[in-house]
Amino acid sequence: MVGVCHENMVKDKEYANCYGIKSGTYLVGQNGNNPTTAISFHNSLAVFNRKEIVGWNFETSDFVVISINFEEDLVCFQRRGKKGAA
């Protein structure tokens, strides 16, 4: 699981059990049911909460870059391959 969060929202929950809607998180997690997909978690938009992302997964040693665009209210996740790979 990788992502970003609203610290004030997850701090009140002691940084535990913060998955899903109105929890302060924007996450992408590996889908245990299907290793070729990921699951997104979104703080405020139900359409993106617990949504399966087909063809987007990551493994141990992969780099995942997270970009935040505050002007457009966007959080973007980009997989960049394995550590040490060209």
N, C-alpha and C. Protein backbone atom coordinates (compact mmCIF):
# COMPACT_ATOMS: atom_id res chain seq x y z
N MET A 1 0.85 -1.17 0.00
CA MET A 1 0.00 0.00 0.00
C MET A 1 0.89 1.23 0.00
N VAL A 2 0.66 2.15 -0.92
CA VAL A 2 1.38 3.41 -0.96
C VAL A 2 0.37 4.54 -1.10
N GLY A 3 0.71 5.71 -0.58
CA GLY A 3 -0.20 6.82 -0.72
C GLY A 3 0.16 8.02 0.11
N VAL A 4 -0.79 8.93 0.18
CA VAL A 4 -0.67 10.14 0.96
C VAL A 4 -1.93 10.28 1.80
N CYS A 5 -1.85 11.14 2.83
CA CYS A 5 -3.02 11.30 3.70
C CYS A 5 -3.10 12.71 4.25
N HIS A 6 -4.27 13.03 4.79
CA HIS A 6 -4.48 14.25 5.56
C HIS A 6 -4.09 13.91 6.99
N GLU A 7 -2.97 14.46 7.44
CA GLU A 7 -2.45 14.06 8.75
C GLU A 7 -3.46 14.27 9.87
N ASN A 8 -4.16 15.39 9.86
CA ASN A 8 -5.09 15.65 10.96
C ASN A 8 -6.21 14.62 11.04
N MET A 9 -6.59 14.02 9.91
CA MET A 9 -7.67 13.03 9.91
C MET A 9 -7.19 11.66 10.40
N VAL A 10 -5.98 11.26 9.99
CA VAL A 10 -5.50 9.93 10.38
C VAL A 10 -4.83 9.95 11.75
N LYS A 11 -4.35 11.10 12.17
CA LYS A 11 -3.73 11.21 13.49
C LYS A 11 -4.75 10.90 14.58
N ASP A 12 -5.98 11.38 14.40
CA ASP A 12 -7.05 11.11 15.36
C ASP A 12 -7.36 9.62 15.46
N LYS A 13 -7.06 8.87 14.42
CA LYS A 13 -7.27 7.41 14.41
C LYS A 13 -6.00 6.66 14.75
N GLU A 14 -5.00 7.39 15.25
CA GLU A 14 -3.71 6.82 15.62
C GLU A 14 -3.06 6.10 14.45
N TYR A 15 -3.26 6.63 13.24
CA TYR A 15 -2.65 6.14 12.00
C TYR A 15 -3.00 4.69 11.70
N ALA A 16 -4.09 4.22 12.22
CA ALA A 16 -4.51 2.83 11.99
C ALA A 16 -5.92 2.81 11.41
N ASN A 17 -6.21 1.78 10.64
CA ASN A 17 -7.55 1.57 10.08
C ASN A 17 -8.02 2.80 9.32
N CYS A 18 -7.19 3.31 8.43
CA CYS A 18 -7.50 4.55 7.71
C CYS A 18 -7.91 4.30 6.26
N TYR A 19 -8.34 3.11 5.92
CA TYR A 19 -8.70 2.82 4.54
C TYR A 19 -10.10 3.31 4.23
N GLY A 20 -10.26 3.87 3.04
CA GLY A 20 -11.59 4.14 2.54
C GLY A 20 -12.09 5.55 2.69
N ILE A 21 -13.34 5.69 2.42
CA ILE A 21 -14.00 6.98 2.32
C ILE A 21 -13.97 7.73 3.64
N LYS A 22 -13.78 9.01 3.57
CA LYS A 22 -13.77 9.91 4.73
C LYS A 22 -12.78 9.48 5.80
N SER A 23 -11.66 8.90 5.36
CA SER A 23 -10.63 8.48 6.30
C SER A 23 -9.37 9.29 6.16
N GLY A 24 -9.32 10.19 5.19
CA GLY A 24 -8.16 11.03 5.01
C GLY A 24 -7.07 10.46 4.14
N THR A 25 -7.33 9.38 3.40
CA THR A 25 -6.28 8.74 2.63
C THR A 25 -6.55 8.73 1.13
N TYR A 26 -5.45 8.73 0.37
CA TYR A 26 -5.45 8.52 -1.08
C TYR A 26 -4.39 7.46 -1.31
N LEU A 27 -4.81 6.23 -1.58
CA LEU A 27 -3.90 5.10 -1.59
C LEU A 27 -4.07 4.24 -2.83
N VAL A 28 -3.01 3.50 -3.15
CA VAL A 28 -3.08 2.42 -4.12
C VAL A 28 -2.48 1.21 -3.45
N GLY A 29 -3.22 0.10 -3.46
CA GLY A 29 -2.75 -1.12 -2.83
C GLY A 29 -2.83 -2.30 -3.77
N GLN A 30 -1.92 -3.23 -3.59
CA GLN A 30 -1.94 -4.44 -4.41
C GLN A 30 -3.21 -5.22 -4.12
N ASN A 31 -3.86 -5.72 -5.16
CA ASN A 31 -5.08 -6.49 -5.02
C ASN A 31 -4.72 -7.95 -4.76
N GLY A 32 -4.93 -8.40 -3.54
CA GLY A 32 -4.59 -9.78 -3.19
C GLY A 32 -5.37 -10.82 -3.95
N ASN A 33 -6.58 -10.48 -4.41
CA ASN A 33 -7.40 -11.42 -5.16
C ASN A 33 -6.95 -11.59 -6.61
N ASN A 34 -6.28 -10.58 -7.14
CA ASN A 34 -5.84 -10.62 -8.54
C ASN A 34 -4.51 -9.87 -8.64
N PRO A 35 -3.39 -10.57 -8.75
CA PRO A 35 -2.09 -9.91 -8.74
C PRO A 35 -1.79 -9.03 -9.95
N THR A 36 -2.67 -8.99 -10.94
CA THR A 36 -2.46 -8.12 -12.09
C THR A 36 -3.20 -6.79 -11.95
N THR A 37 -3.83 -6.56 -10.82
CA THR A 37 -4.57 -5.32 -10.61
C THR A 37 -4.21 -4.71 -9.26
N ALA A 38 -4.58 -3.44 -9.12
CA ALA A 38 -4.44 -2.73 -7.85
C ALA A 38 -5.81 -2.21 -7.44
N ILE A 39 -5.91 -1.75 -6.21
CA ILE A 39 -7.14 -1.16 -5.70
C ILE A 39 -6.82 0.26 -5.25
N SER A 40 -7.67 1.22 -5.62
CA SER A 40 -7.48 2.59 -5.15
C SER A 40 -8.42 2.87 -3.98
N PHE A 41 -7.96 3.75 -3.10
CA PHE A 41 -8.76 4.22 -1.97
C PHE A 41 -8.77 5.73 -2.03
N HIS A 42 -9.92 6.35 -1.84
CA HIS A 42 -10.05 7.79 -2.02
C HIS A 42 -10.82 8.40 -0.87
N ASN A 43 -10.33 9.51 -0.37
CA ASN A 43 -10.92 10.17 0.79
C ASN A 43 -12.34 10.67 0.57
N SER A 44 -12.62 11.28 -0.58
CA SER A 44 -13.89 11.99 -0.71
C SER A 44 -14.76 11.62 -1.90
N LEU A 45 -14.22 10.92 -2.89
CA LEU A 45 -15.03 10.56 -4.07
C LEU A 45 -15.29 9.06 -4.08
N ALA A 46 -16.52 8.69 -3.82
CA ALA A 46 -16.89 7.27 -3.73
C ALA A 46 -16.57 6.51 -5.01
N VAL A 47 -16.64 7.17 -6.16
CA VAL A 47 -16.39 6.49 -7.43
C VAL A 47 -14.95 5.96 -7.51
N PHE A 48 -14.02 6.56 -6.77
CA PHE A 48 -12.63 6.11 -6.77
C PHE A 48 -12.27 5.30 -5.54
N ASN A 49 -13.21 5.08 -4.66
CA ASN A 49 -12.92 4.35 -3.43
C ASN A 49 -13.13 2.86 -3.63
N ARG A 50 -12.10 2.09 -3.29
CA ARG A 50 -12.10 0.63 -3.47
C ARG A 50 -12.37 0.24 -4.92
N LYS A 51 -11.79 1.00 -5.84
CA LYS A 51 -11.94 0.75 -7.27
C LYS A 51 -10.77 -0.10 -7.76
N GLU A 52 -11.08 -1.13 -8.53
CA GLU A 52 -10.05 -1.98 -9.10
C GLU A 52 -9.42 -1.28 -10.31
N ILE A 53 -8.08 -1.26 -10.35
CA ILE A 53 -7.34 -0.66 -11.45
C ILE A 53 -6.66 -1.80 -12.21
N VAL A 54 -7.19 -2.15 -13.37
CA VAL A 54 -6.70 -3.28 -14.14
C VAL A 54 -5.39 -2.91 -14.83
N GLY A 55 -4.42 -3.82 -14.78
CA GLY A 55 -3.15 -3.61 -15.45
C GLY A 55 -2.19 -2.68 -14.71
N TRP A 56 -2.51 -2.34 -13.48
CA TRP A 56 -1.63 -1.46 -12.68
C TRP A 56 -1.36 -2.18 -11.38
N ASN A 57 -0.15 -2.67 -11.24
CA ASN A 57 0.22 -3.31 -9.99
C ASN A 57 1.67 -2.98 -9.69
N PHE A 58 2.11 -3.28 -8.51
CA PHE A 58 3.49 -3.05 -8.15
C PHE A 58 3.95 -4.15 -7.22
N GLU A 59 5.26 -4.35 -7.19
CA GLU A 59 5.83 -5.42 -6.39
C GLU A 59 6.94 -4.85 -5.52
N THR A 60 7.47 -5.67 -4.63
CA THR A 60 8.60 -5.28 -3.81
C THR A 60 9.73 -4.78 -4.70
N SER A 61 10.36 -3.71 -4.33
CA SER A 61 11.46 -3.05 -5.04
C SER A 61 11.02 -2.17 -6.20
N ASP A 62 9.75 -2.09 -6.53
CA ASP A 62 9.28 -1.14 -7.54
C ASP A 62 9.31 0.27 -6.97
N PHE A 63 9.58 1.25 -7.82
CA PHE A 63 9.47 2.65 -7.45
C PHE A 63 8.08 3.13 -7.85
N VAL A 64 7.39 3.78 -6.93
CA VAL A 64 6.10 4.40 -7.22
C VAL A 64 6.24 5.88 -6.87
N VAL A 65 6.03 6.73 -7.88
CA VAL A 65 6.15 8.17 -7.69
C VAL A 65 4.75 8.73 -7.46
N ILE A 66 4.61 9.53 -6.41
CA ILE A 66 3.33 10.16 -6.10
C ILE A 66 3.48 11.66 -6.33
N SER A 67 2.61 12.21 -7.18
CA SER A 67 2.61 13.64 -7.49
C SER A 67 1.32 14.24 -6.98
N ILE A 68 1.42 15.44 -6.42
CA ILE A 68 0.23 16.14 -5.92
C ILE A 68 0.13 17.48 -6.63
N ASN A 69 -1.01 17.72 -7.26
CA ASN A 69 -1.28 18.99 -7.91
C ASN A 69 -2.35 19.69 -7.08
N PHE A 70 -1.94 20.64 -6.26
CA PHE A 70 -2.87 21.32 -5.36
C PHE A 70 -3.84 22.23 -6.11
N GLU A 71 -3.42 22.78 -7.24
CA GLU A 71 -4.29 23.68 -8.01
C GLU A 71 -5.48 22.93 -8.60
N GLU A 72 -5.26 21.68 -9.03
CA GLU A 72 -6.34 20.90 -9.64
C GLU A 72 -6.88 19.82 -8.72
N ASP A 73 -6.40 19.77 -7.48
CA ASP A 73 -6.83 18.74 -6.51
C ASP A 73 -6.63 17.33 -7.06
N LEU A 74 -5.42 17.04 -7.54
CA LEU A 74 -5.12 15.73 -8.11
C LEU A 74 -3.98 15.06 -7.35
N VAL A 75 -4.12 13.76 -7.15
CA VAL A 75 -3.03 12.93 -6.64
C VAL A 75 -2.80 11.87 -7.70
N CYS A 76 -1.57 11.79 -8.22
CA CYS A 76 -1.25 10.85 -9.30
C CYS A 76 -0.21 9.84 -8.82
N PHE A 77 -0.40 8.59 -9.17
CA PHE A 77 0.53 7.51 -8.86
C PHE A 77 1.13 7.01 -10.17
N GLN A 78 2.45 6.85 -10.20
CA GLN A 78 3.12 6.39 -11.40
C GLN A 78 4.16 5.34 -11.03
N ARG A 79 4.03 4.16 -11.61
CA ARG A 79 4.99 3.07 -11.36
C ARG A 79 6.18 3.26 -12.26
N ARG A 80 7.40 3.18 -11.69
CA ARG A 80 8.61 3.46 -12.45
C ARG A 80 9.56 2.27 -12.52
N GLY A 81 9.12 1.07 -12.27
CA GLY A 81 9.98 -0.10 -12.42
C GLY A 81 10.76 -0.44 -11.17
N LYS A 82 11.66 -1.39 -11.33
CA LYS A 82 12.40 -1.97 -10.20
C LYS A 82 13.59 -1.12 -9.78
N LYS A 83 13.93 -1.22 -8.52
CA LYS A 83 15.12 -0.57 -8.00
C LYS A 83 16.34 -1.16 -8.70
N GLY A 84 17.22 -0.30 -9.19
CA GLY A 84 18.43 -0.74 -9.86
C GLY A 84 18.26 -1.06 -11.34
N ALA A 85 17.02 -1.02 -11.84
CA ALA A 85 16.79 -1.31 -13.26
C ALA A 85 17.13 -0.08 -14.10
N ALA A 86 17.51 -0.31 -15.32
CA ALA A 86 17.88 0.80 -16.21
C ALA A 86 16.66 1.56 -16.65
